[in-house]
Amino acid sequence: MAQAVATRAVRDLLHWNATGVSRVPMQVYADPGIYAWEQDLIFRGPTWNFLGLAIEAPNPNDHFTSVIGDTPIIVVRTKDGSINALVNRCAHKGATVCYQPTGHGETFTCPYHNWVYDHSGRLVSVAFEKGVQQLGGMPKQFDKANHRLTRLRVETICGLIFASFSERAPPLEQYLGPVMTGHIRRTLHGTPKILGRYRQMMQNNWKLYAENARDNYHPSLLHAFFATFELNRLSAEGGVRQDEAGWHHIVFAKRHTDQGHAEYESGVIRAQKREFGLADPSLIDQWMEFDDQITNSIQCLFPTFVLQQVLNSIGTRQIIPHGPEKSELVWTLIGFEEDTEAQTYMRVKQSNLVGPAGLVSMEDGIIGNFVQRGIKGDLDAQAVVMMGGVDVGPAPTRATETSVRGFWRVYRELMDV
């Protein structure tokens, strides 16, 4: 694709310490030029981007809208049952073609001038193409075949839809690697059904949440609910898994393995609250859903997809950029058709743990803005990402920032800095 910006070269905009990814320049979270280059080099680069769930378009001619970076996308199930992804931008004047979040129909009609497209993006009709009474209309050399909606590559895994602008991206499962594909199949083990959805606007750069989801250092320090009720503490068994290239990461913990640690008992950790209890302890009841005994796992696929397991709350998170200092998080909570009524009830009840006001996750909605506010006026500063060393790789502990460093390593690779 043609580059998205004609401003300064990205190497002139972004100054990175040559020693690696253990120090991150703060300017990466705020510079509009850097943000513009990300649209071209990352979101329209050799990456696979999550669009939604196949069950959101269950029948032929069903469609829904999504985004990749700043680019609006239509996701449609065709008559033969396959799924296409099209840029939601009319080839005529660039107007949004589908402006409702969901719909059903055999074609897409631009509301501006009634140009009509089929589900492959082919332009099939132009209003008054021949003019009126042999006057006006499109010139003879106009060929509808040369004007279409851009069609993306699409692949699915376990009902998750991913798309790529780039022919350089390897096939999806190769892009993810066996560790990541295995964990997706382990987590999405049934026939998915949507239990609920939240949309959350955050006043921070998209990369701050992408970091946060990979950061297993913070959960029991930031989230009082995790630490107080011993759902996820660094003193429990857990660790980090990565794909071979280090692009994607899984951080995980085992709830009932906590042996205690002096820092949690000392009273110095802000998130540890001794004076609180649960009037309804069943909120954190669970059944052991997985043979590996993992009770919390956060899987992050570069650039903007998260697959969560918090106890028995399964769900996806899609990070949507909205400029250098704003982003959106779409949470979709998932159950399975094979679940019993009691299991569905437990998943729905545990949905109170996650989302914008979730008992566990609510602090994440503001902490990125604390960073965004804190760095203003001092973009020459650098964040320190040295917990667990300076390298990238799997780890048998969660007292590490290896996953965050992994994010920045692939970011630097794609941005060529």
Protein backbone atom coordinates (compact mmCIF):
# COMPACT_ATOMS: atom_id res chain seq x y z
CA MET A 1 0.00 0.00 0.00
CA ALA A 2 1.13 3.58 -0.52
CA GLN A 3 2.49 5.14 2.64
CA ALA A 4 -0.10 6.90 4.76
CA VAL A 5 1.90 10.04 5.45
CA ALA A 6 4.22 12.30 3.52
CA THR A 7 5.71 13.95 6.59
CA ARG A 8 9.10 13.30 8.16
CA ALA A 9 10.52 9.79 7.92
CA VAL A 10 9.68 7.60 10.89
CA ARG A 11 13.37 7.34 11.84
CA ASP A 12 13.45 11.13 12.18
CA LEU A 13 10.31 11.12 14.30
CA LEU A 14 11.13 8.27 16.68
CA HIS A 15 14.46 8.15 18.50
CA TRP A 16 15.06 4.79 20.15
CA ASN A 17 17.88 3.68 22.38
CA ALA A 18 20.07 1.49 20.21
CA THR A 19 20.61 -1.03 23.01
CA GLY A 20 17.26 -2.80 22.70
CA VAL A 21 13.70 -2.64 24.05
CA SER A 22 14.22 -2.21 27.81
CA ARG A 23 13.78 1.56 27.49
CA VAL A 24 10.85 2.99 25.54
CA PRO A 25 10.82 6.63 24.34
CA MET A 26 7.75 8.40 25.75
CA GLN A 27 7.19 10.23 22.46
CA VAL A 28 5.88 6.95 20.98
CA TYR A 29 2.63 7.47 22.94
CA ALA A 30 1.86 11.00 21.77
CA ASP A 31 3.41 12.03 18.45
CA PRO A 32 0.81 12.42 15.62
CA GLY A 33 3.42 11.63 12.97
CA ILE A 34 4.32 8.35 14.63
CA TYR A 35 0.63 7.49 14.91
CA ALA A 36 0.15 8.13 11.18
CA TRP A 37 3.07 5.88 10.26
CA GLU A 38 1.62 3.10 12.45
CA GLN A 39 -1.46 3.01 10.25
CA ASP A 40 0.69 2.16 7.25
CA LEU A 41 3.49 0.06 8.70
CA ILE A 42 1.57 -1.90 11.35
CA PHE A 43 -2.17 -1.98 10.65
CA ARG A 44 -1.77 -2.10 6.86
CA GLY A 45 1.50 -3.96 7.20
CA PRO A 46 2.24 -7.72 7.42
CA THR A 47 -0.04 -8.34 10.40
CA TRP A 48 -3.34 -10.12 11.03
CA ASN A 49 -5.98 -7.97 12.73
CA PHE A 50 -9.00 -9.20 14.67
CA LEU A 51 -12.38 -8.11 13.28
CA GLY A 52 -14.96 -9.99 15.35
CA LEU A 53 -16.67 -13.35 15.78
CA ALA A 54 -18.08 -15.46 12.99
CA ILE A 55 -21.34 -15.82 14.95
CA GLU A 56 -21.90 -12.06 14.53
CA ALA A 57 -22.80 -12.84 10.90
CA PRO A 58 -24.39 -16.28 11.25
CA ASN A 59 -26.38 -16.39 8.00
CA PRO A 60 -25.64 -15.65 4.33
CA ASN A 61 -25.99 -11.91 3.55
CA ASP A 62 -25.44 -10.94 7.21
CA HIS A 63 -22.79 -8.31 7.85
CA PHE A 64 -21.29 -6.20 10.63
CA THR A 65 -18.80 -3.35 10.75
CA SER A 66 -15.39 -3.30 12.39
CA VAL A 67 -12.07 -1.44 12.06
CA ILE A 68 -8.38 -2.08 11.50
CA GLY A 69 -6.45 0.83 12.94
CA ASP A 70 -8.20 3.88 11.52
CA THR A 71 -9.65 1.98 8.54
CA PRO A 72 -13.39 1.10 8.64
CA ILE A 73 -14.21 -2.46 7.57
CA ILE A 74 -17.33 -4.38 6.51
CA VAL A 75 -17.39 -8.07 7.46
CA VAL A 76 -19.93 -10.06 5.43
CA ARG A 77 -20.98 -13.69 5.17
CA THR A 78 -21.45 -14.46 1.49
CA LYS A 79 -24.09 -16.68 -0.11
CA ASP A 80 -21.72 -19.65 -0.07
CA GLY A 81 -21.09 -19.23 3.67
CA SER A 82 -17.56 -17.81 3.41
CA ILE A 83 -16.54 -14.51 5.03
CA ASN A 84 -15.23 -11.44 3.23
CA ALA A 85 -13.75 -8.24 4.66
CA LEU A 86 -14.05 -5.03 2.64
CA VAL A 87 -12.86 -1.49 3.31
CA ASN A 88 -15.99 0.46 4.23
CA ARG A 89 -15.26 3.35 1.88
CA CYS A 90 -17.04 4.09 -1.39
CA ALA A 91 -14.79 4.19 -4.45
CA HIS A 92 -16.63 7.29 -5.67
CA LYS A 93 -16.22 10.00 -3.01
CA GLY A 94 -14.93 8.00 -0.05
CA ALA A 95 -18.20 8.00 1.90
CA THR A 96 -18.94 5.34 4.51
CA VAL A 97 -21.03 2.67 2.78
CA CYS A 98 -22.35 0.76 5.82
CA TYR A 99 -23.12 3.12 8.67
CA GLN A 100 -25.10 0.71 10.87
CA PRO A 101 -23.18 -1.75 13.09
CA THR A 102 -25.05 -4.76 11.68
CA GLY A 103 -27.26 -5.52 8.72
CA HIS A 104 -28.52 -7.98 6.14
CA GLY A 105 -28.72 -7.65 2.38
CA GLU A 106 -27.54 -8.97 -0.95
CA THR A 107 -25.58 -5.80 -1.84
CA PHE A 108 -24.11 -2.67 -0.25
CA THR A 109 -25.41 0.72 -1.42
CA CYS A 110 -23.54 3.93 -0.69
CA PRO A 111 -26.05 6.42 0.79
CA TYR A 112 -24.38 9.39 -0.94
CA HIS A 113 -24.79 8.63 -4.66
CA ASN A 114 -26.22 5.09 -4.68
CA TRP A 115 -23.18 3.24 -6.01
CA VAL A 116 -23.91 -0.45 -5.39
CA TYR A 117 -21.37 -3.17 -4.55
CA ASP A 118 -21.64 -6.93 -4.19
CA HIS A 119 -20.17 -8.95 -1.31
CA SER A 120 -16.81 -9.31 -3.03
CA GLY A 121 -16.52 -5.52 -3.28
CA ARG A 122 -17.27 -5.43 -7.03
CA LEU A 123 -19.06 -2.32 -8.25
CA VAL A 124 -22.27 -3.56 -9.91
CA SER A 125 -24.30 -0.39 -10.41
CA VAL A 126 -23.76 3.36 -10.78
CA ALA A 127 -26.80 5.61 -10.58
CA PHE A 128 -27.38 7.43 -13.88
CA GLU A 129 -24.25 5.87 -15.35
CA LYS A 130 -25.66 6.55 -18.86
CA GLY A 131 -26.93 10.02 -17.94
CA VAL A 132 -30.44 11.33 -18.64
CA GLN A 133 -31.83 11.46 -22.18
CA GLN A 134 -28.34 10.83 -23.56
CA LEU A 135 -26.94 13.80 -21.66
CA GLY A 136 -24.33 13.61 -18.94
CA GLY A 137 -23.40 10.34 -17.31
CA MET A 138 -20.03 8.69 -17.01
CA PRO A 139 -17.58 8.86 -19.93
CA LYS A 140 -17.36 5.90 -22.31
CA GLN A 141 -13.98 4.84 -20.93
CA PHE A 142 -15.41 4.47 -17.41
CA ASP A 143 -15.12 0.82 -16.37
CA LYS A 144 -16.86 -0.33 -13.20
CA ALA A 145 -14.30 -3.13 -12.87
CA ASN A 146 -11.69 -0.51 -12.01
CA HIS A 147 -13.71 0.88 -9.10
CA ARG A 148 -14.40 -1.43 -6.20
CA LEU A 149 -14.25 -1.76 -2.43
CA THR A 150 -10.82 -2.95 -1.32
CA ARG A 151 -10.98 -6.61 -0.31
CA LEU A 152 -8.71 -7.99 2.41
CA ARG A 153 -7.33 -11.45 3.08
CA VAL A 154 -9.50 -13.26 5.66
CA GLU A 155 -8.84 -16.31 7.81
CA THR A 156 -10.60 -17.70 10.88
CA ILE A 157 -9.66 -19.82 13.86
CA CYS A 158 -12.19 -21.17 16.38
CA GLY A 159 -14.76 -18.66 15.17
CA LEU A 160 -12.41 -15.64 15.45
CA ILE A 161 -12.16 -13.58 12.26
CA PHE A 162 -8.83 -12.01 11.29
CA ALA A 163 -7.94 -9.98 8.20
CA SER A 164 -4.78 -8.61 6.63
CA PHE A 165 -4.08 -5.93 4.03
CA SER A 166 -0.72 -7.48 3.22
CA GLU A 167 0.29 -10.34 0.95
CA ARG A 168 3.55 -10.48 2.93
CA ALA A 169 1.80 -11.72 6.07
CA PRO A 170 2.15 -15.51 6.36
CA PRO A 171 -1.00 -17.65 6.72
CA LEU A 172 -2.75 -16.96 10.02
CA GLU A 173 -1.74 -20.11 11.88
CA GLN A 174 1.85 -19.71 10.76
CA TYR A 175 1.72 -16.06 11.89
CA LEU A 176 0.50 -17.18 15.32
CA GLY A 177 2.63 -20.30 15.73
CA PRO A 178 1.72 -23.58 17.45
CA VAL A 179 1.83 -22.24 21.03
CA MET A 180 -0.70 -19.49 20.26
CA THR A 181 -3.00 -21.58 18.09
CA GLY A 182 -2.96 -24.33 20.72
CA HIS A 183 -4.00 -21.91 23.44
CA ILE A 184 -6.82 -20.46 21.32
CA ARG A 185 -8.19 -23.96 20.69
CA ARG A 186 -7.81 -24.80 24.37
CA THR A 187 -9.72 -21.66 25.48
CA LEU A 188 -12.42 -21.63 22.78
CA HIS A 189 -13.20 -25.31 23.19
CA GLY A 190 -16.91 -25.25 22.30
CA THR A 191 -19.42 -23.62 19.98
CA PRO A 192 -19.25 -19.91 20.90
CA LYS A 193 -22.23 -17.78 21.85
CA ILE A 194 -22.10 -14.11 22.82
CA LEU A 195 -23.16 -13.39 26.41
CA GLY A 196 -22.58 -9.65 26.37
CA ARG A 197 -20.52 -6.76 25.04
CA TYR A 198 -19.01 -3.60 26.47
CA ARG A 199 -17.46 -0.67 24.62
CA GLN A 200 -15.05 1.53 26.54
CA MET A 201 -13.38 4.80 25.51
CA MET A 202 -9.97 5.37 27.07
CA GLN A 203 -8.04 8.63 27.11
CA ASN A 204 -4.72 7.09 26.20
CA ASN A 205 -2.69 5.87 23.24
CA TRP A 206 -3.62 2.39 21.99
CA LYS A 207 -0.16 1.05 22.77
CA LEU A 208 -0.56 1.79 26.47
CA TYR A 209 -3.39 -0.72 26.68
CA ALA A 210 -1.54 -3.18 24.44
CA GLU A 211 1.31 -2.96 26.97
CA ASN A 212 -1.03 -3.20 29.93
CA ALA A 213 -2.58 -6.45 28.71
CA ARG A 214 0.90 -7.96 28.39
CA ASP A 215 2.11 -6.61 31.73
CA ASN A 216 1.82 -9.37 34.32
CA TYR A 217 3.82 -7.28 36.82
CA HIS A 218 0.90 -4.94 37.57
CA PRO A 219 -2.28 -7.02 38.22
CA SER A 220 -1.81 -7.74 41.94
CA LEU A 221 -0.28 -4.28 42.48
CA LEU A 222 -2.88 -2.16 40.67
CA HIS A 223 -6.03 -4.27 41.06
CA ALA A 224 -7.19 -4.42 44.67
CA PHE A 225 -9.72 -7.16 43.94
CA PHE A 226 -7.05 -9.50 42.56
CA ALA A 227 -4.73 -9.08 45.52
CA THR A 228 -7.30 -8.93 48.30
CA PHE A 229 -9.18 -12.08 47.25
CA GLU A 230 -6.03 -13.90 46.10
CA LEU A 231 -7.24 -14.49 42.54
CA ASN A 232 -3.99 -13.47 40.90
CA ARG A 233 -0.83 -12.75 42.87
CA LEU A 234 2.79 -12.95 41.78
CA SER A 235 3.43 -15.50 44.53
CA ALA A 236 1.14 -18.03 42.79
CA GLU A 237 2.36 -20.38 40.09
CA GLY A 238 2.38 -18.83 36.65
CA GLY A 239 4.54 -17.59 33.86
CA VAL A 240 4.84 -16.31 30.31
CA ARG A 241 4.60 -18.20 27.03
CA GLN A 242 5.53 -16.75 23.66
CA ASP A 243 5.54 -17.75 20.04
CA GLU A 244 8.93 -18.50 18.55
CA ALA A 245 9.32 -15.02 17.04
CA GLY A 246 8.23 -13.26 20.25
CA TRP A 247 5.36 -11.38 18.59
CA HIS A 248 2.54 -12.87 20.69
CA HIS A 249 2.28 -13.69 24.37
CA ILE A 250 0.31 -15.58 27.02
CA VAL A 251 0.57 -14.63 30.69
CA PHE A 252 -1.05 -17.10 33.07
CA ALA A 253 -1.59 -17.93 36.73
CA LYS A 254 -2.94 -20.77 38.85
CA ARG A 255 -5.21 -19.45 41.58
CA HIS A 256 -4.90 -22.17 44.23
CA THR A 257 -1.10 -22.34 44.26
CA ASP A 258 -0.36 -19.13 46.18
CA GLN A 259 2.23 -19.83 48.90
CA GLY A 260 2.21 -16.26 50.19
CA HIS A 261 4.92 -13.65 50.05
CA ALA A 262 6.24 -11.17 52.59
CA GLU A 263 5.38 -8.16 50.46
CA TYR A 264 1.70 -9.11 50.39
CA GLU A 265 1.69 -9.59 54.18
CA SER A 266 3.68 -6.44 55.00
CA GLY A 267 0.88 -3.98 54.30
CA VAL A 268 3.05 -1.90 51.92
CA ILE A 269 1.26 -3.01 48.75
CA ARG A 270 -1.51 -0.50 48.06
CA ALA A 271 -3.81 -3.04 46.43
CA GLN A 272 -3.86 -5.44 49.41
CA LYS A 273 -6.97 -4.64 51.48
CA ARG A 274 -7.47 -6.51 54.75
CA GLU A 275 -10.71 -4.87 55.83
CA PHE A 276 -12.83 -6.08 52.89
CA GLY A 277 -14.83 -9.25 52.33
CA LEU A 278 -17.46 -10.48 49.91
CA ALA A 279 -21.09 -10.55 50.99
CA ASP A 280 -21.62 -13.03 48.16
CA PRO A 281 -18.51 -15.24 47.89
CA SER A 282 -20.11 -17.16 45.03
CA LEU A 283 -18.97 -14.28 42.80
CA ILE A 284 -15.54 -15.90 42.67
CA ASP A 285 -16.67 -19.52 42.67
CA GLN A 286 -15.52 -21.45 39.64
CA TRP A 287 -15.29 -24.89 38.16
CA MET A 288 -11.89 -26.09 36.98
CA GLU A 289 -12.56 -25.75 33.28
CA PHE A 290 -9.14 -26.68 31.95
CA ASP A 291 -6.90 -29.67 32.62
CA ASP A 292 -3.83 -27.42 32.88
CA GLN A 293 -5.28 -25.91 36.11
CA ILE A 294 -4.78 -22.36 34.78
CA THR A 295 -7.39 -20.05 36.29
CA ASN A 296 -6.29 -16.75 34.73
CA SER A 297 -4.77 -16.29 31.29
CA ILE A 298 -4.40 -13.28 29.04
CA GLN A 299 -3.34 -14.03 25.47
CA CYS A 300 -2.17 -11.08 23.37
CA LEU A 301 -1.81 -11.32 19.61
CA PHE A 302 0.03 -8.46 17.92
CA PRO A 303 -1.12 -5.86 17.33
CA THR A 304 -4.51 -5.39 19.05
CA PHE A 305 -6.22 -8.64 20.07
CA VAL A 306 -6.65 -10.10 23.56
CA LEU A 307 -8.25 -13.42 24.52
CA GLN A 308 -9.06 -13.56 28.22
CA GLN A 309 -9.81 -16.24 30.78
CA VAL A 310 -10.53 -14.79 34.22
CA LEU A 311 -11.77 -17.74 36.26
CA ASN A 312 -14.59 -18.94 33.96
CA SER A 313 -15.14 -15.60 32.24
CA ILE A 314 -14.04 -16.10 28.64
CA GLY A 315 -13.91 -13.20 26.24
CA THR A 316 -12.18 -11.19 23.54
CA ARG A 317 -10.87 -7.66 23.66
CA GLN A 318 -10.29 -5.56 20.54
CA ILE A 319 -8.17 -2.41 20.86
CA ILE A 320 -9.22 0.35 18.45
CA PRO A 321 -7.00 3.44 18.01
CA HIS A 322 -8.71 6.84 17.91
CA GLY A 323 -5.77 9.16 17.39
CA PRO A 324 -2.52 9.58 19.32
CA GLU A 325 -4.13 10.04 22.75
CA LYS A 326 -7.41 8.12 22.62
CA SER A 327 -8.42 4.51 22.07
CA GLU A 328 -11.44 2.23 22.41
CA LEU A 329 -11.70 -1.23 23.93
CA VAL A 330 -14.42 -3.62 22.79
CA TRP A 331 -15.07 -6.45 25.25
CA THR A 332 -17.08 -9.45 24.03
CA LEU A 333 -18.00 -12.07 26.63
CA ILE A 334 -18.31 -15.62 25.36
CA GLY A 335 -20.04 -18.79 26.51
CA PHE A 336 -20.53 -22.04 24.66
CA GLU A 337 -23.63 -23.77 23.36
CA GLU A 338 -22.46 -26.88 25.21
CA ASP A 339 -22.51 -25.10 28.62
CA THR A 340 -25.04 -26.17 31.21
CA GLU A 341 -27.48 -23.59 32.55
CA ALA A 342 -25.43 -23.38 35.75
CA GLN A 343 -22.21 -22.81 33.82
CA THR A 344 -23.78 -20.05 31.73
CA TYR A 345 -25.07 -18.41 34.92
CA MET A 346 -21.57 -18.53 36.43
CA ARG A 347 -19.99 -17.00 33.32
CA VAL A 348 -22.57 -14.19 33.31
CA LYS A 349 -22.06 -13.56 37.02
CA GLN A 350 -18.30 -13.40 36.58
CA SER A 351 -18.76 -10.81 33.84
CA ASN A 352 -18.91 -8.40 36.78
CA LEU A 353 -15.15 -8.94 37.17
CA VAL A 354 -14.26 -7.52 33.74
CA GLY A 355 -15.24 -4.65 31.48
CA PRO A 356 -15.14 -0.88 32.05
CA ALA A 357 -16.55 -1.13 35.60
CA GLY A 358 -15.32 -4.64 36.32
CA LEU A 359 -14.31 -5.37 39.89
CA VAL A 360 -10.95 -6.57 38.57
CA SER A 361 -10.37 -4.49 35.47
CA MET A 362 -11.80 -1.04 36.23
CA GLU A 363 -8.40 0.46 37.14
CA ASP A 364 -7.07 -0.33 33.66
CA GLY A 365 -9.48 2.22 32.20
CA ILE A 366 -7.69 5.12 33.91
CA ILE A 367 -4.11 3.99 34.45
CA GLY A 368 -3.18 4.57 30.80
CA ASN A 369 -4.43 8.13 31.11
CA PHE A 370 -2.22 8.57 34.20
CA VAL A 371 0.71 7.81 31.89
CA GLN A 372 -0.65 9.99 29.08
CA ARG A 373 -0.96 12.92 31.49
CA GLY A 374 2.34 12.22 33.20
CA ILE A 375 4.48 12.37 30.08
CA LYS A 376 3.18 15.71 28.77
CA GLY A 377 5.96 18.24 28.37
CA ASP A 378 8.72 15.66 28.74
CA LEU A 379 8.58 13.41 25.70
CA ASP A 380 12.36 12.97 25.72
CA ALA A 381 12.00 10.75 28.80
CA GLN A 382 12.09 6.96 28.56
CA ALA A 383 10.02 4.27 30.24
CA VAL A 384 12.04 1.57 32.00
CA VAL A 385 11.04 -1.99 31.08
CA MET A 386 13.66 -4.07 32.89
CA MET A 387 11.75 -6.35 35.27
CA GLY A 388 13.12 -9.85 34.67
CA GLY A 389 16.03 -8.58 32.58
CA VAL A 390 16.34 -6.93 29.19
CA ASP A 391 15.72 -9.86 26.84
CA VAL A 392 12.58 -11.31 25.25
CA GLY A 393 11.54 -14.90 25.81
CA PRO A 394 9.35 -17.30 27.82
CA ALA A 395 9.64 -17.08 31.61
CA PRO A 396 8.69 -19.38 34.53
CA THR A 397 7.60 -16.36 36.59
CA ARG A 398 5.31 -13.37 36.21
CA ALA A 399 7.74 -11.05 37.99
CA THR A 400 8.97 -10.02 34.56
CA GLU A 401 8.21 -7.60 31.76
CA THR A 402 9.38 -9.90 28.97
CA SER A 403 5.98 -9.75 27.22
CA VAL A 404 6.09 -5.95 27.15
CA ARG A 405 9.59 -6.06 25.70
CA GLY A 406 8.30 -8.55 23.13
CA PHE A 407 5.64 -6.07 22.04
CA TRP A 408 8.25 -3.37 21.54
CA ARG A 409 10.60 -5.68 19.69
CA VAL A 410 8.03 -6.44 16.98
CA TYR A 411 6.92 -2.81 16.99
CA ARG A 412 10.48 -1.69 16.25
CA GLU A 413 10.83 -4.36 13.59
CA LEU A 414 7.72 -3.23 11.71
CA MET A 415 8.41 0.49 12.17
CA ASP A 416 12.05 -0.07 11.11
CA VAL A 417 13.54 1.92 14.01
